[in-house]
Amino acid sequence: MAAQWPRALLRAALRQEGYDALGARDLGEALSYPEVEEKRGPVRLLILDQDLLRGNDELVAELLGRHHDALTLVLESAFHPSISGAWSQVLRHPVTIADISKTTQELLPLPSEAAHPLD
């Protein structure tokens, strides 16, 4: 499965639940999103794959600094040692899109009036 498909499926699942989810291929693209967008509001949750974190300390620090109030959910590899950090939650592979969606809802519950599909 091409790398963009899991990300696209996760974005679609989150939007189905009412989250205004964006996707980024890498940390550079994630840094292109503003901290607050007028019609969207602030970024409130970052979902980061452990593979993107390794060796990118400066970009990770910049991303976390830009979105300093955002919660962080890290998807950790089953084949690598844990990566240290003050993450809000860590899910260890294997995880499903449903697992990530459920954890998102637990970390960042939506008010009932906002819990509806966006597309």
PDB file of N, CA and C in Angstrom:
ATOM      1  N   MET A   1       0.853  -1.170   0.000  1.00  0.00           N
ATOM      2  CA  MET A   1       0.000   0.000   0.000  1.00  0.00           C
ATOM      3  C   MET A   1       0.899   1.232   0.000  1.00  0.00           C
ATOM      4  N   ALA A   2       0.643   2.138  -0.892  1.00  0.00           N
ATOM      5  CA  ALA A   2       1.429   3.361  -0.967  1.00  0.00           C
ATOM      6  C   ALA A   2       1.286   4.150   0.330  1.00  0.00           C
ATOM      7  N   ALA A   3       2.335   4.883   0.691  1.00  0.00           N
ATOM      8  CA  ALA A   3       2.392   5.586   1.978  1.00  0.00           C
ATOM      9  C   ALA A   3       1.246   6.572   2.174  1.00  0.00           C
ATOM     10  N   GLN A   4       0.738   7.160   1.095  1.00  0.00           N
ATOM     11  CA  GLN A   4      -0.307   8.168   1.269  1.00  0.00           C
ATOM     12  C   GLN A   4      -1.666   7.555   1.601  1.00  0.00           C
ATOM     13  N   TRP A   5      -1.888   6.284   1.310  1.00  0.00           N
ATOM     14  CA  TRP A   5      -3.209   5.698   1.527  1.00  0.00           C
ATOM     15  C   TRP A   5      -3.595   5.579   2.989  1.00  0.00           C
ATOM     16  N   PRO A   6      -2.732   5.088   3.875  1.00  0.00           N
ATOM     17  CA  PRO A   6      -3.122   5.072   5.295  1.00  0.00           C
ATOM     18  C   PRO A   6      -3.422   6.473   5.824  1.00  0.00           C
ATOM     19  N   ARG A   7      -2.608   7.455   5.409  1.00  0.00           N
ATOM     20  CA  ARG A   7      -2.830   8.836   5.838  1.00  0.00           C
ATOM     21  C   ARG A   7      -4.162   9.352   5.313  1.00  0.00           C
ATOM     22  N   ALA A   8      -4.475   9.056   4.064  1.00  0.00           N
ATOM     23  CA  ALA A   8      -5.747   9.500   3.473  1.00  0.00           C
ATOM     24  C   ALA A   8      -6.930   8.816   4.153  1.00  0.00           C
ATOM     25  N   LEU A   9      -6.785   7.529   4.452  1.00  0.00           N
ATOM     26  CA  LEU A   9      -7.860   6.812   5.147  1.00  0.00           C
ATOM     27  C   LEU A   9      -8.075   7.366   6.553  1.00  0.00           C
ATOM     28  N   LEU A  10      -6.995   7.664   7.257  1.00  0.00           N
ATOM     29  CA  LEU A  10      -7.120   8.231   8.595  1.00  0.00           C
ATOM     30  C   LEU A  10      -7.788   9.595   8.527  1.00  0.00           C
ATOM     31  N   ARG A  11      -7.375  10.408   7.589  1.00  0.00           N
ATOM     32  CA  ARG A  11      -7.990  11.735   7.429  1.00  0.00           C
ATOM     33  C   ARG A  11      -9.479  11.594   7.163  1.00  0.00           C
ATOM     34  N   ALA A  12      -9.858  10.688   6.275  1.00  0.00           N
ATOM     35  CA  ALA A  12     -11.276  10.474   5.960  1.00  0.00           C
ATOM     36  C   ALA A  12     -12.044   9.984   7.185  1.00  0.00           C
ATOM     37  N   ALA A  13     -11.452   9.061   7.954  1.00  0.00           N
ATOM     38  CA  ALA A  13     -12.123   8.545   9.153  1.00  0.00           C
ATOM     39  C   ALA A  13     -12.328   9.660  10.181  1.00  0.00           C
ATOM     40  N   LEU A  14     -11.326  10.500  10.371  1.00  0.00           N
ATOM     41  CA  LEU A  14     -11.453  11.591  11.333  1.00  0.00           C
ATOM     42  C   LEU A  14     -12.472  12.623  10.873  1.00  0.00           C
ATOM     43  N   ARG A  15     -12.485  12.930   9.590  1.00  0.00           N
ATOM     44  CA  ARG A  15     -13.474  13.873   9.061  1.00  0.00           C
ATOM     45  C   ARG A  15     -14.886  13.303   9.183  1.00  0.00           C
ATOM     46  N   GLN A  16     -15.025  11.997   9.065  1.00  0.00           N
ATOM     47  CA  GLN A  16     -16.329  11.349   9.234  1.00  0.00           C
ATOM     48  C   GLN A  16     -16.857  11.545  10.661  1.00  0.00           C
ATOM     49  N   GLU A  17     -15.943  11.618  11.622  1.00  0.00           N
ATOM     50  CA  GLU A  17     -16.320  11.797  13.028  1.00  0.00           C
ATOM     51  C   GLU A  17     -16.522  13.272  13.396  1.00  0.00           C
ATOM     52  N   GLY A  18     -16.103  14.194  12.502  1.00  0.00           N
ATOM     53  CA  GLY A  18     -16.295  15.615  12.761  1.00  0.00           C
ATOM     54  C   GLY A  18     -15.023  16.408  12.984  1.00  0.00           C
ATOM     55  N   TYR A  19     -13.868  15.766  12.838  1.00  0.00           N
ATOM     56  CA  TYR A  19     -12.586  16.454  13.013  1.00  0.00           C
ATOM     57  C   TYR A  19     -12.137  17.055  11.689  1.00  0.00           C
ATOM     58  N   ASP A  20     -11.711  18.305  11.721  1.00  0.00           N
ATOM     59  CA  ASP A  20     -11.209  18.981  10.531  1.00  0.00           C
ATOM     60  C   ASP A  20      -9.745  18.582  10.357  1.00  0.00           C
ATOM     61  N   ALA A  21      -9.524  17.382   9.853  1.00  0.00           N
ATOM     62  CA  ALA A  21      -8.192  16.784   9.776  1.00  0.00           C
ATOM     63  C   ALA A  21      -7.471  17.168   8.484  1.00  0.00           C
ATOM     64  N   LEU A  22      -6.192  17.431   8.635  1.00  0.00           N
ATOM     65  CA  LEU A  22      -5.300  17.683   7.507  1.00  0.00           C
ATOM     66  C   LEU A  22      -4.233  16.602   7.511  1.00  0.00           C
ATOM     67  N   GLY A  23      -3.624  16.370   6.379  1.00  0.00           N
ATOM     68  CA  GLY A  23      -2.540  15.399   6.296  1.00  0.00           C
ATOM     69  C   GLY A  23      -1.285  16.052   5.756  1.00  0.00           C
ATOM     70  N   ALA A  24      -0.161  15.495   6.137  1.00  0.00           N
ATOM     71  CA  ALA A  24       1.134  15.982   5.641  1.00  0.00           C
ATOM     72  C   ALA A  24       2.031  14.779   5.377  1.00  0.00           C
ATOM     73  N   ARG A  25       2.751  14.829   4.261  1.00  0.00           N
ATOM     74  CA  ARG A  25       3.650  13.727   3.889  1.00  0.00           C
ATOM     75  C   ARG A  25       4.879  13.648   4.777  1.00  0.00           C
ATOM     76  N   ASP A  26       5.309  14.802   5.292  1.00  0.00           N
ATOM     77  CA  ASP A  26       6.529  14.838   6.090  1.00  0.00           C
ATOM     78  C   ASP A  26       6.489  16.053   7.010  1.00  0.00           C
ATOM     79  N   LEU A  27       7.527  16.215   7.802  1.00  0.00           N
ATOM     80  CA  LEU A  27       7.558  17.323   8.757  1.00  0.00           C
ATOM     81  C   LEU A  27       7.621  18.679   8.066  1.00  0.00           C
ATOM     82  N   GLY A  28       8.313  18.751   6.936  1.00  0.00           N
ATOM     83  CA  GLY A  28       8.372  20.009   6.185  1.00  0.00           C
ATOM     84  C   GLY A  28       6.993  20.459   5.742  1.00  0.00           C
ATOM     85  N   GLU A  29       6.201  19.520   5.237  1.00  0.00           N
ATOM     86  CA  GLU A  29       4.835  19.864   4.823  1.00  0.00           C
ATOM     87  C   GLU A  29       3.985  20.213   6.040  1.00  0.00           C
ATOM     88  N   ALA A  30       4.165  19.490   7.140  1.00  0.00           N
ATOM     89  CA  ALA A  30       3.421  19.806   8.360  1.00  0.00           C
ATOM     90  C   ALA A  30       3.728  21.227   8.836  1.00  0.00           C
ATOM     91  N   LEU A  31       4.974  21.653   8.660  1.00  0.00           N
ATOM     92  CA  LEU A  31       5.361  23.007   9.066  1.00  0.00           C
ATOM     93  C   LEU A  31       4.778  24.083   8.156  1.00  0.00           C
ATOM     94  N   SER A  32       4.263  23.699   7.006  1.00  0.00           N
ATOM     95  CA  SER A  32       3.668  24.690   6.109  1.00  0.00           C
ATOM     96  C   SER A  32       2.275  25.126   6.570  1.00  0.00           C
ATOM     97  N   TYR A  33       1.681  24.356   7.461  1.00  0.00           N
ATOM     98  CA  TYR A  33       0.360  24.730   7.985  1.00  0.00           C
ATOM     99  C   TYR A  33       0.529  25.763   9.095  1.00  0.00           C
ATOM    100  N   PRO A  34      -0.289  26.822   9.056  1.00  0.00           N
ATOM    101  CA  PRO A  34      -0.180  27.842  10.112  1.00  0.00           C
ATOM    102  C   PRO A  34      -0.702  27.304  11.449  1.00  0.00           C
ATOM    103  N   GLU A  35      -0.250  27.940  12.528  1.00  0.00           N
ATOM    104  CA  GLU A  35      -0.720  27.538  13.854  1.00  0.00           C
ATOM    105  C   GLU A  35      -2.226  27.717  13.975  1.00  0.00           C
ATOM    106  N   VAL A  36      -2.722  28.830  13.453  1.00  0.00           N
ATOM    107  CA  VAL A  36      -4.158  29.124  13.476  1.00  0.00           C
ATOM    108  C   VAL A  36      -4.567  29.574  12.083  1.00  0.00           C
ATOM    109  N   GLU A  37      -5.628  28.995  11.578  1.00  0.00           N
ATOM    110  CA  GLU A  37      -6.193  29.428  10.307  1.00  0.00           C
ATOM    111  C   GLU A  37      -7.572  29.986  10.607  1.00  0.00           C
ATOM    112  N   GLU A  38      -7.860  31.165  10.062  1.00  0.00           N
ATOM    113  CA  GLU A  38      -9.069  31.907  10.416  1.00  0.00           C
ATOM    114  C   GLU A  38     -10.337  31.057  10.391  1.00  0.00           C
ATOM    115  N   LYS A  39     -10.561  30.317   9.331  1.00  0.00           N
ATOM    116  CA  LYS A  39     -11.811  29.556   9.209  1.00  0.00           C
ATOM    117  C   LYS A  39     -11.751  28.193   9.888  1.00  0.00           C
ATOM    118  N   ARG A  40     -10.569  27.782  10.334  1.00  0.00           N
ATOM    119  CA  ARG A  40     -10.411  26.457  10.927  1.00  0.00           C
ATOM    120  C   ARG A  40     -10.103  26.497  12.409  1.00  0.00           C
ATOM    121  N   GLY A  41      -9.463  27.519  12.876  1.00  0.00           N
ATOM    122  CA  GLY A  41      -9.037  27.582  14.265  1.00  0.00           C
ATOM    123  C   GLY A  41      -7.648  26.993  14.428  1.00  0.00           C
ATOM    124  N   PRO A  42      -7.232  26.797  15.680  1.00  0.00           N
ATOM    125  CA  PRO A  42      -5.872  26.309  15.935  1.00  0.00           C
ATOM    126  C   PRO A  42      -5.751  24.804  15.714  1.00  0.00           C
ATOM    127  N   VAL A  43      -4.525  24.371  15.461  1.00  0.00           N
ATOM    128  CA  VAL A  43      -4.213  22.943  15.430  1.00  0.00           C
ATOM    129  C   VAL A  43      -4.284  22.469  16.872  1.00  0.00           C
ATOM    130  N   ARG A  44      -5.071  21.418  17.121  1.00  0.00           N
ATOM    131  CA  ARG A  44      -5.262  20.958  18.503  1.00  0.00           C
ATOM    132  C   ARG A  44      -4.688  19.574  18.759  1.00  0.00           C
ATOM    133  N   LEU A  45      -4.349  18.840  17.694  1.00  0.00           N
ATOM    134  CA  LEU A  45      -3.771  17.507  17.851  1.00  0.00           C
ATOM    135  C   LEU A  45      -2.818  17.241  16.695  1.00  0.00           C
ATOM    136  N   LEU A  46      -1.628  16.761  17.015  1.00  0.00           N
ATOM    137  CA  LEU A  46      -0.653  16.325  16.017  1.00  0.00           C
ATOM    138  C   LEU A  46      -0.527  14.810  16.139  1.00  0.00           C
ATOM    139  N   ILE A  47      -0.687  14.107  15.039  1.00  0.00           N
ATOM    140  CA  ILE A  47      -0.486  12.668  15.012  1.00  0.00           C
ATOM    141  C   ILE A  47       0.801  12.441  14.238  1.00  0.00           C
ATOM    142  N   LEU A  48       1.803  11.927  14.925  1.00  0.00           N
ATOM    143  CA  LEU A  48       3.148  11.808  14.362  1.00  0.00           C
ATOM    144  C   LEU A  48       3.584  10.359  14.323  1.00  0.00           C
ATOM    145  N   ASP A  49       4.119   9.947  13.196  1.00  0.00           N
ATOM    146  CA  ASP A  49       4.667   8.604  13.072  1.00  0.00           C
ATOM    147  C   ASP A  49       6.109   8.620  13.552  1.00  0.00           C
ATOM    148  N   GLN A  50       6.486   7.633  14.326  1.00  0.00           N
ATOM    149  CA  GLN A  50       7.830   7.563  14.897  1.00  0.00           C
ATOM    150  C   GLN A  50       8.912   7.637  13.825  1.00  0.00           C
ATOM    151  N   ASP A  51       8.673   7.051  12.665  1.00  0.00           N
ATOM    152  CA  ASP A  51       9.674   7.072  11.596  1.00  0.00           C
ATOM    153  C   ASP A  51      10.030   8.495  11.179  1.00  0.00           C
ATOM    154  N   LEU A  52       9.068   9.421  11.251  1.00  0.00           N
ATOM    155  CA  LEU A  52       9.351  10.816  10.896  1.00  0.00           C
ATOM    156  C   LEU A  52      10.109  11.548  11.989  1.00  0.00           C
ATOM    157  N   LEU A  53      10.012  11.057  13.214  1.00  0.00           N
ATOM    158  CA  LEU A  53      10.652  11.739  14.333  1.00  0.00           C
ATOM    159  C   LEU A  53      12.149  11.479  14.409  1.00  0.00           C
ATOM    160  N   ARG A  54      12.562  10.279  14.067  1.00  0.00           N
ATOM    161  CA  ARG A  54      13.969   9.888  14.192  1.00  0.00           C
ATOM    162  C   ARG A  54      14.858  10.722  13.259  1.00  0.00           C
ATOM    163  N   GLY A  55      15.858  11.351  13.846  1.00  0.00           N
ATOM    164  CA  GLY A  55      16.827  12.111  13.058  1.00  0.00           C
ATOM    165  C   GLY A  55      16.333  13.472  12.607  1.00  0.00           C
ATOM    166  N   ASN A  56      15.173  13.879  13.067  1.00  0.00           N
ATOM    167  CA  ASN A  56      14.614  15.173  12.666  1.00  0.00           C
ATOM    168  C   ASN A  56      14.335  16.042  13.884  1.00  0.00           C
ATOM    169  N   ASP A  57      15.235  16.016  14.845  1.00  0.00           N
ATOM    170  CA  ASP A  57      15.005  16.710  16.113  1.00  0.00           C
ATOM    171  C   ASP A  57      14.675  18.187  15.933  1.00  0.00           C
ATOM    172  N   GLU A  58      15.390  18.873  15.041  1.00  0.00           N
ATOM    173  CA  GLU A  58      15.153  20.308  14.859  1.00  0.00           C
ATOM    174  C   GLU A  58      13.770  20.578  14.275  1.00  0.00           C
ATOM    175  N   LEU A  59      13.370  19.794  13.257  1.00  0.00           N
ATOM    176  CA  LEU A  59      12.044  19.984  12.661  1.00  0.00           C
ATOM    177  C   LEU A  59      10.933  19.631  13.640  1.00  0.00           C
ATOM    178  N   VAL A  60      11.135  18.565  14.420  1.00  0.00           N
ATOM    179  CA  VAL A  60      10.139  18.180  15.428  1.00  0.00           C
ATOM    180  C   VAL A  60      10.000  19.301  16.455  1.00  0.00           C
ATOM    181  N   ALA A  61      11.122  19.832  16.924  1.00  0.00           N
ATOM    182  CA  ALA A  61      11.091  20.924  17.908  1.00  0.00           C
ATOM    183  C   ALA A  61      10.381  22.142  17.334  1.00  0.00           C
ATOM    184  N   GLU A  62      10.646  22.440  16.068  1.00  0.00           N
ATOM    185  CA  GLU A  62       9.980  23.585  15.430  1.00  0.00           C
ATOM    186  C   GLU A  62       8.479  23.352  15.323  1.00  0.00           C
ATOM    187  N   LEU A  63       8.078  22.146  14.918  1.00  0.00           N
ATOM    188  CA  LEU A  63       6.656  21.825  14.793  1.00  0.00           C
ATOM    189  C   LEU A  63       5.957  21.896  16.145  1.00  0.00           C
ATOM    190  N   LEU A  64       6.561  21.288  17.158  1.00  0.00           N
ATOM    191  CA  LEU A  64       5.958  21.306  18.493  1.00  0.00           C
ATOM    192  C   LEU A  64       5.949  22.718  19.070  1.00  0.00           C
ATOM    193  N   GLY A  65       6.967  23.509  18.755  1.00  0.00           N
ATOM    194  CA  GLY A  65       6.998  24.900  19.206  1.00  0.00           C
ATOM    195  C   GLY A  65       5.923  25.740  18.546  1.00  0.00           C
ATOM    196  N   ARG A  66       5.703  25.502  17.282  1.00  0.00           N
ATOM    197  CA  ARG A  66       4.669  26.252  16.545  1.00  0.00           C
ATOM    198  C   ARG A  66       3.283  25.919  17.066  1.00  0.00           C
ATOM    199  N   HIS A  67       3.058  24.672  17.364  1.00  0.00           N
ATOM    200  CA  HIS A  67       1.741  24.209  17.822  1.00  0.00           C
ATOM    201  C   HIS A  67       1.840  23.794  19.291  1.00  0.00           C
ATOM    202  N   HIS A  68       2.368  24.697  20.107  1.00  0.00           N
ATOM    203  CA  HIS A  68       2.711  24.396  21.498  1.00  0.00           C
ATOM    204  C   HIS A  68       1.531  23.962  22.351  1.00  0.00           C
ATOM    205  N   ASP A  69       0.323  24.344  21.996  1.00  0.00           N
ATOM    206  CA  ASP A  69      -0.855  23.946  22.775  1.00  0.00           C
ATOM    207  C   ASP A  69      -1.484  22.655  22.264  1.00  0.00           C
ATOM    208  N   ALA A  70      -0.966  22.125  21.177  1.00  0.00           N
ATOM    209  CA  ALA A  70      -1.554  20.913  20.587  1.00  0.00           C
ATOM    210  C   ALA A  70      -1.146  19.674  21.380  1.00  0.00           C
ATOM    211  N   LEU A  71      -2.076  18.725  21.456  1.00  0.00           N
ATOM    212  CA  LEU A  71      -1.771  17.412  22.004  1.00  0.00           C
ATOM    213  C   LEU A  71      -0.965  16.647  20.963  1.00  0.00           C
ATOM    214  N   THR A  72      -0.196  15.653  21.401  1.00  0.00           N
ATOM    215  CA  THR A  72       0.588  14.856  20.460  1.00  0.00           C
ATOM    216  C   THR A  72       0.301  13.375  20.651  1.00  0.00           C
ATOM    217  N   LEU A  73      -0.029  12.737  19.555  1.00  0.00           N
ATOM    218  CA  LEU A  73      -0.244  11.297  19.506  1.00  0.00           C
ATOM    219  C   LEU A  73       0.852  10.723  18.620  1.00  0.00           C
ATOM    220  N   VAL A  74       1.679   9.855  19.176  1.00  0.00           N
ATOM    221  CA  VAL A  74       2.782   9.267  18.419  1.00  0.00           C
ATOM    222  C   VAL A  74       2.447   7.819  18.105  1.00  0.00           C
ATOM    223  N   LEU A  75       2.650   7.440  16.853  1.00  0.00           N
ATOM    224  CA  LEU A  75       2.479   6.063  16.401  1.00  0.00           C
ATOM    225  C   LEU A  75       3.862   5.444  16.383  1.00  0.00           C
ATOM    226  N   GLU A  76       4.088   4.537  17.293  1.00  0.00           N
ATOM    227  CA  GLU A  76       5.417   3.979  17.509  1.00  0.00           C
ATOM    228  C   GLU A  76       5.575   2.652  16.781  1.00  0.00           C
ATOM    229  N   SER A  77       6.747   2.449  16.242  1.00  0.00           N
ATOM    230  CA  SER A  77       7.064   1.219  15.537  1.00  0.00           C
ATOM    231  C   SER A  77       7.193   0.055  16.503  1.00  0.00           C
ATOM    232  N   ALA A  78       6.751  -1.103  16.073  1.00  0.00           N
ATOM    233  CA  ALA A  78       6.912  -2.315  16.876  1.00  0.00           C
ATOM    234  C   ALA A  78       8.336  -2.842  16.792  1.00  0.00           C
ATOM    235  N   PHE A  79       9.127  -2.342  15.848  1.00  0.00           N
ATOM    236  CA  PHE A  79      10.454  -2.876  15.586  1.00  0.00           C
ATOM    237  C   PHE A  79      11.598  -1.980  16.047  1.00  0.00           C
ATOM    238  N   HIS A  80      11.284  -0.836  16.615  1.00  0.00           N
ATOM    239  CA  HIS A  80      12.309   0.097  17.075  1.00  0.00           C
ATOM    240  C   HIS A  80      12.090   0.407  18.547  1.00  0.00           C
ATOM    241  N   PRO A  81      13.127   0.806  19.229  1.00  0.00           N
ATOM    242  CA  PRO A  81      12.954   1.212  20.631  1.00  0.00           C
ATOM    243  C   PRO A  81      12.037   2.429  20.718  1.00  0.00           C
ATOM    244  N   SER A  82      11.406   2.578  21.859  1.00  0.00           N
ATOM    245  CA  SER A  82      10.540   3.740  22.083  1.00  0.00           C
ATOM    246  C   SER A  82      11.332   5.021  21.924  1.00  0.00           C
ATOM    247  N   ILE A  83      10.641   6.045  21.472  1.00  0.00           N
ATOM    248  CA  ILE A  83      11.276   7.348  21.303  1.00  0.00           C
ATOM    249  C   ILE A  83      10.810   8.240  22.453  1.00  0.00           C
ATOM    250  N   SER A  84      11.767   8.899  23.095  1.00  0.00           N
ATOM    251  CA  SER A  84      11.427   9.695  24.270  1.00  0.00           C
ATOM    252  C   SER A  84      10.780  11.009  23.851  1.00  0.00           C
ATOM    253  N   GLY A  85       9.967  11.520  24.741  1.00  0.00           N
ATOM    254  CA  GLY A  85       9.292  12.788  24.502  1.00  0.00           C
ATOM    255  C   GLY A  85       8.105  12.915  25.430  1.00  0.00           C
ATOM    256  N   ALA A  86       7.615  14.111  25.544  1.00  0.00           N
ATOM    257  CA  ALA A  86       6.462  14.383  26.400  1.00  0.00           C
ATOM    258  C   ALA A  86       5.187  14.290  25.568  1.00  0.00           C
ATOM    259  N   TRP A  87       4.941  13.113  25.029  1.00  0.00           N
ATOM    260  CA  TRP A  87       3.792  12.900  24.164  1.00  0.00           C
ATOM    261  C   TRP A  87       2.522  12.761  25.008  1.00  0.00           C
ATOM    262  N   SER A  88       1.405  13.197  24.462  1.00  0.00           N
ATOM    263  CA  SER A  88       0.122  13.036  25.148  1.00  0.00           C
ATOM    264  C   SER A  88      -0.287  11.575  25.193  1.00  0.00           C
ATOM    265  N   GLN A  89       0.005  10.841  24.128  1.00  0.00           N
ATOM    266  CA  GLN A  89      -0.354   9.424  24.037  1.00  0.00           C
ATOM    267  C   GLN A  89       0.572   8.765  23.017  1.00  0.00           C
ATOM    268  N   VAL A  90       0.864   7.502  23.234  1.00  0.00           N
ATOM    269  CA  VAL A  90       1.653   6.713  22.298  1.00  0.00           C
ATOM    270  C   VAL A  90       0.880   5.447  21.988  1.00  0.00           C
ATOM    271  N   LEU A  91       0.722   5.154  20.706  1.00  0.00           N
ATOM    272  CA  LEU A  91       0.139   3.889  20.258  1.00  0.00           C
ATOM    273  C   LEU A  91       1.249   3.107  19.571  1.00  0.00           C
ATOM    274  N   ARG A  92       1.404   1.868  19.939  1.00  0.00           N
ATOM    275  CA  ARG A  92       2.459   1.032  19.367  1.00  0.00           C
ATOM    276  C   ARG A  92       1.854   0.153  18.274  1.00  0.00           C
ATOM    277  N   HIS A  93       2.508   0.138  17.111  1.00  0.00           N
ATOM    278  CA  HIS A  93       2.070  -0.719  16.009  1.00  0.00           C
ATOM    279  C   HIS A  93       2.089  -2.168  16.450  1.00  0.00           C
ATOM    280  N   PRO A  94       1.202  -2.992  15.969  1.00  0.00           N
ATOM    281  CA  PRO A  94       0.224  -2.691  14.920  1.00  0.00           C
ATOM    282  C   PRO A  94      -1.002  -1.965  15.476  1.00  0.00           C
ATOM    283  N   VAL A  95      -1.399  -0.927  14.790  1.00  0.00           N
ATOM    284  CA  VAL A  95      -2.612  -0.186  15.119  1.00  0.00           C
ATOM    285  C   VAL A  95      -3.439  -0.054  13.852  1.00  0.00           C
ATOM    286  N   THR A  96      -4.722   0.124  14.042  1.00  0.00           N
ATOM    287  CA  THR A  96      -5.627   0.311  12.908  1.00  0.00           C
ATOM    288  C   THR A  96      -6.059   1.772  12.838  1.00  0.00           C
ATOM    289  N   ILE A  97      -6.661   2.115  11.732  1.00  0.00           N
ATOM    290  CA  ILE A  97      -7.257   3.451  11.580  1.00  0.00           C
ATOM    291  C   ILE A  97      -8.288   3.657  12.683  1.00  0.00           C
ATOM    292  N   ALA A  98      -9.071   2.616  12.984  1.00  0.00           N
ATOM    293  CA  ALA A  98     -10.083   2.705  14.040  1.00  0.00           C
ATOM    294  C   ALA A  98      -9.434   2.974  15.400  1.00  0.00           C
ATOM    295  N   ASP A  99      -8.276   2.353  15.682  1.00  0.00           N
ATOM    296  CA  ASP A  99      -7.565   2.595  16.940  1.00  0.00           C
ATOM    297  C   ASP A  99      -7.150   4.065  17.054  1.00  0.00           C
ATOM    298  N   ILE A 100      -6.624   4.596  15.978  1.00  0.00           N
ATOM    299  CA  ILE A 100      -6.162   5.987  15.984  1.00  0.00           C
ATOM    300  C   ILE A 100      -7.350   6.932  16.115  1.00  0.00           C
ATOM    301  N   SER A 101      -8.433   6.644  15.423  1.00  0.00           N
ATOM    302  CA  SER A 101      -9.639   7.465  15.509  1.00  0.00           C
ATOM    303  C   SER A 101     -10.203   7.442  16.932  1.00  0.00           C
ATOM    304  N   LYS A 102     -10.266   6.271  17.529  1.00  0.00           N
ATOM    305  CA  LYS A 102     -10.780   6.139  18.901  1.00  0.00           C
ATOM    306  C   LYS A 102      -9.904   6.916  19.881  1.00  0.00           C
ATOM    307  N   THR A 103      -8.599   6.803  19.748  1.00  0.00           N
ATOM    308  CA  THR A 103      -7.684   7.523  20.634  1.00  0.00           C
ATOM    309  C   THR A 103      -7.826   9.029  20.438  1.00  0.00           C
ATOM    310  N   THR A 104      -8.002   9.461  19.206  1.00  0.00           N
ATOM    311  CA  THR A 104      -8.234  10.883  18.922  1.00  0.00           C
ATOM    312  C   THR A 104      -9.477  11.363  19.648  1.00  0.00           C
ATOM    313  N   GLN A 105     -10.545  10.578  19.572  1.00  0.00           N
ATOM    314  CA  GLN A 105     -11.794  10.957  20.241  1.00  0.00           C
ATOM    315  C   GLN A 105     -11.636  11.000  21.760  1.00  0.00           C
ATOM    316  N   GLU A 106     -10.794  10.132  22.312  1.00  0.00           N
ATOM    317  CA  GLU A 106     -10.540  10.137  23.752  1.00  0.00           C
ATOM    318  C   GLU A 106      -9.701  11.351  24.164  1.00  0.00           C
ATOM    319  N   LEU A 107      -8.686  11.674  23.361  1.00  0.00           N
ATOM    320  CA  LEU A 107      -7.816  12.807  23.673  1.00  0.00           C
ATOM    321  C   LEU A 107      -8.496  14.146  23.457  1.00  0.00           C
ATOM    322  N   LEU A 108      -9.294  14.220  22.417  1.00  0.00           N
ATOM    323  CA  LEU A 108      -9.861  15.488  21.976  1.00  0.00           C
ATOM    324  C   LEU A 108     -11.353  15.302  21.661  1.00  0.00           C
ATOM    325  N   PRO A 109     -12.169  15.060  22.685  1.00  0.00           N
ATOM    326  CA  PRO A 109     -13.591  14.831  22.418  1.00  0.00           C
ATOM    327  C   PRO A 109     -14.256  16.069  21.824  1.00  0.00           C
ATOM    328  N   LEU A 110     -15.147  15.815  20.887  1.00  0.00           N
ATOM    329  CA  LEU A 110     -15.896  16.904  20.268  1.00  0.00           C
ATOM    330  C   LEU A 110     -17.210  17.113  21.007  1.00  0.00           C
ATOM    331  N   PRO A 111     -17.680  18.359  21.070  1.00  0.00           N
ATOM    332  CA  PRO A 111     -19.025  18.566  21.604  1.00  0.00           C
ATOM    333  C   PRO A 111     -20.039  17.879  20.689  1.00  0.00           C
ATOM    334  N   SER A 112     -21.147  17.440  21.232  1.00  0.00           N
ATOM    335  CA  SER A 112     -22.108  16.666  20.444  1.00  0.00           C
ATOM    336  C   SER A 112     -22.564  17.386  19.181  1.00  0.00           C
ATOM    337  N   GLU A 113     -22.675  18.704  19.219  1.00  0.00           N
ATOM    338  CA  GLU A 113     -23.126  19.448  18.032  1.00  0.00           C
ATOM    339  C   GLU A 113     -22.068  19.465  16.923  1.00  0.00           C
ATOM    340  N   ALA A 114     -20.831  19.143  17.232  1.00  0.00           N
ATOM    341  CA  ALA A 114     -19.767  19.137  16.236  1.00  0.00           C
ATOM    342  C   ALA A 114     -19.436  17.728  15.740  1.00  0.00           C
ATOM    343  N   ALA A 115     -19.996  16.715  16.366  1.00  0.00           N
ATOM    344  CA  ALA A 115     -19.677  15.320  16.013  1.00  0.00           C
ATOM    345  C   ALA A 115     -20.554  14.849  14.863  1.00  0.00           C
ATOM    346  N   HIS A 116     -20.211  15.316  13.670  1.00  0.00           N
ATOM    347  CA  HIS A 116     -20.920  14.923  12.453  1.00  0.00           C
ATOM    348  C   HIS A 116     -19.947  14.973  11.283  1.00  0.00           C
ATOM    349  N   PRO A 117     -20.213  14.218  10.228  1.00  0.00           N
ATOM    350  CA  PRO A 117     -19.297  14.208   9.082  1.00  0.00           C
ATOM    351  C   PRO A 117     -19.109  15.600   8.483  1.00  0.00           C
ATOM    352  N   LEU A 118     -17.882  15.884   8.084  1.00  0.00           N
ATOM    353  CA  LEU A 118     -17.574  17.196   7.496  1.00  0.00           C
ATOM    354  C   LEU A 118     -17.696  17.196   5.985  1.00  0.00           C
ATOM    355  N   ASP A 119     -17.626  16.039   5.350  1.00  0.00           N
ATOM    356  CA  ASP A 119     -17.682  16.010   3.888  1.00  0.00           C
ATOM    357  C   ASP A 119     -19.023  15.526   3.402  1.00  0.00           C
TER     358      ASP A 119
END
